[in-house]
Amino acid sequence: MYSKEEIKKIKVRFWDGFKTYSSPKRRSLGKPKKWLMQNTSIKALDLKFHIDQQNASVSIDIVSKSLENKVAYWNKLLSLRSIINQSFKQEVVWNDMFELESGKEIIRVGVYLNNVNILDQKCWENVYDFFFNNMIIFEELLEEYVDIIRVHRTN
């Protein structure tokens, strides 16, 4: 078993390793070295990486506090469902009631890699590939369809 401090150090090494892995690859594609993440140009949408001791995921999250906004963005994403699904080589999971560890409910559209463990360094390269390849797709979809996804308020 690892102590909390050891787990924290492993996580830092994992994310530092991913940054080292992804930055030059992003630049070779003509993209900024940093990922969009919360800078999506749509306040209610975030792009997320996640890994724990069971699986990894890459997702677009609808994080608005307003239920009305969540529903509006969900409907926008659903209008692109076939395009989004076809963009990935694996199943896209559409979850309109995803609960974070904090208890906050969000909407998540994501892809998953099972049977990986952030504490097992042997799987890191596979996770880095998964993260990189799938987040590039989410970023490109968001860039291409931002005008369709954006909810325009008239009030």
C-alpha atoms as a PDB file:
ATOM      1  CA  MET A   1       0.000   0.000   0.000  1.00  0.00           C
ATOM      2  CA  TYR A   2       1.088   3.535  -0.713  1.00  0.00           C
ATOM      3  CA  SER A   3       0.881   6.399   1.733  1.00  0.00           C
ATOM      4  CA  LYS A   4      -1.053   9.541   0.796  1.00  0.00           C
ATOM      5  CA  GLU A   5       2.238  11.337   0.227  1.00  0.00           C
ATOM      6  CA  GLU A   6       3.543   8.576  -2.060  1.00  0.00           C
ATOM      7  CA  ILE A   7       0.298   8.611  -4.076  1.00  0.00           C
ATOM      8  CA  LYS A   8       0.549  12.385  -4.432  1.00  0.00           C
ATOM      9  CA  LYS A   9       4.132  12.086  -5.748  1.00  0.00           C
ATOM     10  CA  ILE A  10       3.121   9.353  -8.212  1.00  0.00           C
ATOM     11  CA  LYS A  11       0.288  11.529  -9.524  1.00  0.00           C
ATOM     12  CA  VAL A  12       2.644  14.484  -9.976  1.00  0.00           C
ATOM     13  CA  ARG A  13       5.091  12.240 -11.885  1.00  0.00           C
ATOM     14  CA  PHE A  14       2.250  10.934 -14.061  1.00  0.00           C
ATOM     15  CA  TRP A  15       1.013  14.411 -15.029  1.00  0.00           C
ATOM     16  CA  ASP A  16       4.554  15.758 -15.507  1.00  0.00           C
ATOM     17  CA  GLY A  17       5.234  12.774 -17.763  1.00  0.00           C
ATOM     18  CA  PHE A  18       2.093  13.445 -19.755  1.00  0.00           C
ATOM     19  CA  LYS A  19       3.052  17.085 -20.221  1.00  0.00           C
ATOM     20  CA  THR A  20       6.508  16.012 -21.464  1.00  0.00           C
ATOM     21  CA  TYR A  21       4.865  13.455 -23.781  1.00  0.00           C
ATOM     22  CA  SER A  22       2.137  15.713 -25.202  1.00  0.00           C
ATOM     23  CA  SER A  23       3.710  19.167 -25.584  1.00  0.00           C
ATOM     24  CA  PRO A  24       6.066  18.324 -28.493  1.00  0.00           C
ATOM     25  CA  LYS A  25       3.366  16.220 -30.181  1.00  0.00           C
ATOM     26  CA  ARG A  26       0.900  19.129 -29.980  1.00  0.00           C
ATOM     27  CA  ARG A  27       3.451  21.552 -31.411  1.00  0.00           C
ATOM     28  CA  SER A  28       4.162  19.129 -34.288  1.00  0.00           C
ATOM     29  CA  LEU A  29       0.434  19.371 -35.135  1.00  0.00           C
ATOM     30  CA  GLY A  30       0.625  23.181 -35.057  1.00  0.00           C
ATOM     31  CA  LYS A  31      -1.305  23.427 -31.790  1.00  0.00           C
ATOM     32  CA  PRO A  32      -0.385  25.340 -28.638  1.00  0.00           C
ATOM     33  CA  LYS A  33       1.520  23.197 -26.147  1.00  0.00           C
ATOM     34  CA  LYS A  34      -1.269  23.604 -23.568  1.00  0.00           C
ATOM     35  CA  TRP A  35      -4.616  21.862 -23.840  1.00  0.00           C
ATOM     36  CA  LEU A  36      -7.867  23.865 -24.004  1.00  0.00           C
ATOM     37  CA  MET A  37      -9.346  22.323 -20.845  1.00  0.00           C
ATOM     38  CA  GLN A  38     -11.412  25.125 -19.203  1.00  0.00           C
ATOM     39  CA  ASN A  39     -10.495  27.643 -21.945  1.00  0.00           C
ATOM     40  CA  THR A  40     -13.065  26.320 -24.407  1.00  0.00           C
ATOM     41  CA  SER A  41     -14.561  29.781 -25.126  1.00  0.00           C
ATOM     42  CA  ILE A  42     -17.837  28.405 -23.743  1.00  0.00           C
ATOM     43  CA  LYS A  43     -18.075  29.051 -20.016  1.00  0.00           C
ATOM     44  CA  ALA A  44     -20.313  26.059 -19.299  1.00  0.00           C
ATOM     45  CA  LEU A  45     -18.092  23.488 -21.082  1.00  0.00           C
ATOM     46  CA  ASP A  46     -14.811  21.977 -19.900  1.00  0.00           C
ATOM     47  CA  LEU A  47     -12.605  19.355 -21.471  1.00  0.00           C
ATOM     48  CA  LYS A  48     -11.304  16.851 -18.919  1.00  0.00           C
ATOM     49  CA  PHE A  49      -8.701  14.167 -18.452  1.00  0.00           C
ATOM     50  CA  HIS A  50      -9.249  11.681 -15.641  1.00  0.00           C
ATOM     51  CA  ILE A  51      -7.345   8.685 -14.362  1.00  0.00           C
ATOM     52  CA  ASP A  52      -7.710   6.731 -11.157  1.00  0.00           C
ATOM     53  CA  GLN A  53      -6.871   3.203 -10.051  1.00  0.00           C
ATOM     54  CA  GLN A  54      -9.402   1.554 -12.412  1.00  0.00           C
ATOM     55  CA  ASN A  55      -9.876   3.583 -15.585  1.00  0.00           C
ATOM     56  CA  ALA A  56      -9.013   6.693 -17.548  1.00  0.00           C
ATOM     57  CA  SER A  57     -11.317   9.004 -19.460  1.00  0.00           C
ATOM     58  CA  VAL A  58     -11.336  11.987 -21.752  1.00  0.00           C
ATOM     59  CA  SER A  59     -14.530  13.993 -21.793  1.00  0.00           C
ATOM     60  CA  ILE A  60     -16.398  17.144 -22.511  1.00  0.00           C
ATOM     61  CA  ASP A  61     -18.283  18.182 -19.384  1.00  0.00           C
ATOM     62  CA  ILE A  62     -21.254  20.495 -19.086  1.00  0.00           C
ATOM     63  CA  VAL A  63     -20.598  22.204 -15.772  1.00  0.00           C
ATOM     64  CA  SER A  64     -23.135  25.029 -15.668  1.00  0.00           C
ATOM     65  CA  LYS A  65     -24.851  25.605 -12.337  1.00  0.00           C
ATOM     66  CA  SER A  66     -28.074  26.395 -14.169  1.00  0.00           C
ATOM     67  CA  LEU A  67     -30.255  23.407 -15.046  1.00  0.00           C
ATOM     68  CA  GLU A  68     -31.663  25.395 -17.973  1.00  0.00           C
ATOM     69  CA  ASN A  69     -28.155  25.930 -19.364  1.00  0.00           C
ATOM     70  CA  LYS A  70     -27.209  22.277 -18.804  1.00  0.00           C
ATOM     71  CA  VAL A  71     -30.257  21.140 -20.763  1.00  0.00           C
ATOM     72  CA  ALA A  72     -29.595  23.654 -23.544  1.00  0.00           C
ATOM     73  CA  TYR A  73     -25.970  22.528 -23.938  1.00  0.00           C
ATOM     74  CA  TRP A  74     -26.957  18.862 -23.678  1.00  0.00           C
ATOM     75  CA  ASN A  75     -29.417  19.362 -26.534  1.00  0.00           C
ATOM     76  CA  LYS A  76     -26.721  21.097 -28.603  1.00  0.00           C
ATOM     77  CA  LEU A  77     -24.329  18.176 -28.079  1.00  0.00           C
ATOM     78  CA  LEU A  78     -27.096  15.674 -28.835  1.00  0.00           C
ATOM     79  CA  SER A  79     -27.662  17.429 -32.168  1.00  0.00           C
ATOM     80  CA  LEU A  80     -24.049  16.483 -32.992  1.00  0.00           C
ATOM     81  CA  ARG A  81     -24.267  12.984 -31.529  1.00  0.00           C
ATOM     82  CA  SER A  82     -23.723  11.042 -34.755  1.00  0.00           C
ATOM     83  CA  ILE A  83     -20.774  13.269 -35.734  1.00  0.00           C
ATOM     84  CA  ILE A  84     -19.214  12.923 -32.278  1.00  0.00           C
ATOM     85  CA  ASN A  85     -19.760   9.154 -32.153  1.00  0.00           C
ATOM     86  CA  GLN A  86     -18.237   8.678 -35.610  1.00  0.00           C
ATOM     87  CA  SER A  87     -15.175  10.752 -34.684  1.00  0.00           C
ATOM     88  CA  PHE A  88     -13.950   8.185 -32.151  1.00  0.00           C
ATOM     89  CA  LYS A  89     -12.665   4.657 -32.672  1.00  0.00           C
ATOM     90  CA  GLN A  90     -14.488   3.462 -29.577  1.00  0.00           C
ATOM     91  CA  GLU A  91     -17.837   3.849 -27.866  1.00  0.00           C
ATOM     92  CA  VAL A  92     -18.700   7.345 -26.668  1.00  0.00           C
ATOM     93  CA  VAL A  93     -20.565   7.321 -23.351  1.00  0.00           C
ATOM     94  CA  TRP A  94     -23.341   9.919 -23.087  1.00  0.00           C
ATOM     95  CA  ASN A  95     -24.179  10.525 -19.423  1.00  0.00           C
ATOM     96  CA  ASP A  96     -26.751  13.211 -18.614  1.00  0.00           C
ATOM     97  CA  MET A  97     -26.445  12.655 -14.843  1.00  0.00           C
ATOM     98  CA  PHE A  98     -22.789  12.173 -13.914  1.00  0.00           C
ATOM     99  CA  GLU A  99     -21.890  12.715 -10.262  1.00  0.00           C
ATOM    100  CA  LEU A 100     -18.389  13.895  -9.421  1.00  0.00           C
ATOM    101  CA  GLU A 101     -16.603  12.732  -6.257  1.00  0.00           C
ATOM    102  CA  SER A 102     -17.505  16.123  -4.766  1.00  0.00           C
ATOM    103  CA  GLY A 103     -21.200  15.299  -5.203  1.00  0.00           C
ATOM    104  CA  LYS A 104     -21.697  17.907  -7.934  1.00  0.00           C
ATOM    105  CA  GLU A 105     -23.851  16.701 -10.826  1.00  0.00           C
ATOM    106  CA  ILE A 106     -22.671  17.427 -14.334  1.00  0.00           C
ATOM    107  CA  ILE A 107     -23.321  16.127 -17.815  1.00  0.00           C
ATOM    108  CA  ARG A 108     -20.445  14.177 -19.373  1.00  0.00           C
ATOM    109  CA  VAL A 109     -19.768  12.923 -22.882  1.00  0.00           C
ATOM    110  CA  GLY A 110     -16.632  10.836 -22.834  1.00  0.00           C
ATOM    111  CA  VAL A 111     -14.518   7.912 -23.889  1.00  0.00           C
ATOM    112  CA  TYR A 112     -13.014   5.444 -21.432  1.00  0.00           C
ATOM    113  CA  LEU A 113      -9.973   3.222 -21.112  1.00  0.00           C
ATOM    114  CA  ASN A 114     -10.552   0.462 -18.575  1.00  0.00           C
ATOM    115  CA  ASN A 115      -8.141  -1.642 -16.542  1.00  0.00           C
ATOM    116  CA  VAL A 116      -5.507   1.033 -16.064  1.00  0.00           C
ATOM    117  CA  ASN A 117      -4.112   2.308 -12.797  1.00  0.00           C
ATOM    118  CA  ILE A 118      -2.379   5.621 -12.200  1.00  0.00           C
ATOM    119  CA  LEU A 119      -0.185   3.840  -9.635  1.00  0.00           C
ATOM    120  CA  ASP A 120       1.097   1.357 -12.253  1.00  0.00           C
ATOM    121  CA  GLN A 121       3.778   3.107 -14.281  1.00  0.00           C
ATOM    122  CA  LYS A 122       3.751   0.270 -16.839  1.00  0.00           C
ATOM    123  CA  CYS A 123       0.381   1.487 -18.180  1.00  0.00           C
ATOM    124  CA  TRP A 124       1.281   5.180 -18.374  1.00  0.00           C
ATOM    125  CA  GLU A 125       2.428   5.174 -22.017  1.00  0.00           C
ATOM    126  CA  ASN A 126      -0.852   3.555 -23.058  1.00  0.00           C
ATOM    127  CA  VAL A 127      -2.826   6.132 -21.064  1.00  0.00           C
ATOM    128  CA  TYR A 128      -0.758   8.987 -22.537  1.00  0.00           C
ATOM    129  CA  ASP A 129      -1.603   7.743 -26.053  1.00  0.00           C
ATOM    130  CA  PHE A 130      -5.274   7.403 -25.119  1.00  0.00           C
ATOM    131  CA  PHE A 131      -5.376  10.886 -23.574  1.00  0.00           C
ATOM    132  CA  PHE A 132      -3.549  12.557 -26.434  1.00  0.00           C
ATOM    133  CA  ASN A 133      -5.428  10.959 -29.320  1.00  0.00           C
ATOM    134  CA  ASN A 134      -8.880  11.417 -27.817  1.00  0.00           C
ATOM    135  CA  MET A 135      -8.435  14.937 -26.470  1.00  0.00           C
ATOM    136  CA  ILE A 136      -7.205  16.082 -29.884  1.00  0.00           C
ATOM    137  CA  ILE A 137     -10.514  14.807 -31.301  1.00  0.00           C
ATOM    138  CA  PHE A 138     -12.565  16.618 -28.642  1.00  0.00           C
ATOM    139  CA  GLU A 139     -10.626  19.852 -29.213  1.00  0.00           C
ATOM    140  CA  GLU A 140     -11.074  19.653 -32.975  1.00  0.00           C
ATOM    141  CA  LEU A 141     -14.791  18.919 -32.637  1.00  0.00           C
ATOM    142  CA  LEU A 142     -15.212  21.844 -30.283  1.00  0.00           C
ATOM    143  CA  GLU A 143     -13.269  24.169 -32.584  1.00  0.00           C
ATOM    144  CA  GLU A 144     -15.253  23.082 -35.642  1.00  0.00           C
ATOM    145  CA  TYR A 145     -18.708  23.147 -34.045  1.00  0.00           C
ATOM    146  CA  VAL A 146     -18.354  25.906 -31.440  1.00  0.00           C
ATOM    147  CA  ASP A 147     -20.958  28.080 -33.164  1.00  0.00           C
ATOM    148  CA  ILE A 148     -23.471  25.233 -33.137  1.00  0.00           C
ATOM    149  CA  ILE A 149     -22.714  24.268 -29.531  1.00  0.00           C
ATOM    150  CA  ARG A 150     -22.753  27.793 -28.113  1.00  0.00           C
ATOM    151  CA  VAL A 151     -26.097  28.662 -26.504  1.00  0.00           C
ATOM    152  CA  HIS A 152     -27.162  32.161 -27.451  1.00  0.00           C
ATOM    153  CA  ARG A 153     -29.144  33.933 -24.768  1.00  0.00           C
ATOM    154  CA  THR A 154     -31.672  36.587 -25.738  1.00  0.00           C
ATOM    155  CA  ASN A 155     -32.254  38.019 -22.242  1.00  0.00           C
END
